[in-house]
């Protein structure tokens, strides 16, 4: 063999060896790809969220963190279990919670006692509460006068303070531009009632010096600013705690309750929050628990700008768990909430505490399913649904005009329910169509509006108006809660006796009159006595006479004048006596009143 032939043979052998090495490397690469594709975070629950090739190559260096084969098999099983199901798949909800309220739901008052609006309002603003307000207001006014205030002050008493509150509700019923316009005089826009009840300067000085807490204790709390011992709500806490306790004492909610936010409009920078989705975007933020059936404010808390709840699990979790007090409510309640509060941990903990829960949710929340296996498409038809059950919690997605995501520990995913929707045909004609709808979506729409209804009732006749002090905005809000809850108590009492209740407007009107100590209906002023109605008022003749005749020529004879024996008219001077029709009062040329 020549040297050239030997060199060619060696090159062919090296080429064959390199090809076999490449084949082996490709096989090992495929095995590694399969191996690393199984290393998925169980919280993701989505086999399609595999990292791209560069990320996989970077992960190959961390060979010692490869889970064992049993863990990979469990991950695969979990992925298959969390694929989305359709309405054709049967769902088994958890056993229903037994409803065991701590008291009989409804008003905790005797309907036979005939409670007036003032009686119901005094449940919240009792005489003891008003005495405390008067005492603190008098101390605040005395301190201001000592510092050189330019007005005269006389201590306010309980009766006068109730009149002051009555004028507050009067201003909520009759709105004007400025508070001083209620005391305008000698104009067509004058309003007489406020001046008859209280002088303008007296009303304003009471409001200027209105104080809820003890001013001396306020100064001690203000000295602690910047420390953990400082309480931002100290100056409203005495009244706030009283209103909250009374709200829970005289009414026990029915089974379906809702949690939501409420905004109290304020420009003050202290504790001011912003919520872009609310009609009132700037102001104080309150977390509210309300009865879904009537909007009664059961419990509330004021947000101070940080999580002031003691549990430490996050604001949304802690606010719900604090408001749903099992010692007060009992068990078996169904709590409805929006996606700000909803989380798998909250729902499972509520279920363990024997509370049902239902609400919209955000997919970005931890432990929420994000699988794309058999998921809804972006252009799925209306009425299409998917669901996943994870223990007691069922996650439902339903396509309406857009995708709706709801989870629940109360309901099955789909029970054959449907809703009516207006659809437009290709010809441009509108018609109604029955669309399948998951049970959690229907129940959420039915019971979630408790807080919204409560906010709506508070806004009808609110006492809110411009003020400099932030705590006075909350004081006015407590007034609104008291009057609105008192009206709901009145409605519930009347319904229990099968009687017709007053409207909200009639209730506030009567409450205003009773607080001011006057009658709602004023007597009409007596009309001046009428003079003798049978007066003789001759009618002037149209035009003037130019032919030398008398101005009375052509007039008919007045029957009344004949009866009274007055001077003869032109008819007596004529040769012809007037007929009976001409002598009737309706035909008389003179005007008679009466």
Foldseek 3Di string as FASTA:
>chain_A
DDPVVVVVVVVVVVVVVVVVVVVVVVVVVVVLVVQQLLPDDLQALASVPRDDPVVSVVCVVVVVPRDDPVVSVVSVVSSVQFFWDFPVDFFDFDDAFDADWPDDFWFQDDLVVPAALQNLLCLQVPLVQLQLQQVQLVVQLVVVVVVPDPDDDDRDHSLLVLLLVLVLLVCLVPPDDDPCQQCDPDDPSHHPPVVVQDNPVVSVSSVVSGWRDHVVVVVVLVVQPPDPSRDLCVRPVVSQVSLLVSLLPGGAADQEKEKDKDFQADPDPFQWAADPPDPRGIHWIKIFIFHLVQLATNHIDTDRPDQPADPPPDNLLRSVVVVPDCVRTPASHEYEYEAVNDDPVSQVVNVVVRYKYKYFHDCPHGSRHDYPRVDDDFPHDAQTKIWHDDPLKIWMWGAHVGITIMIISRDTFFDFAWDWDWDADPVGDIDIDTHGDTPSVVVNVSRHCSNVSNNVQLPSRFSDDDDDDSVVSVVSVSSSSSSSNSQVSQVSSCVVVVHDGDDSVVSSLSSSCVSSVHDSDDDDDDDPDDDPQFDWAADFDPDDDDPPDDRQPPFFWELVCVVVVHDGGPQVVDPDHDDPVCHDNVNHNTDTGD
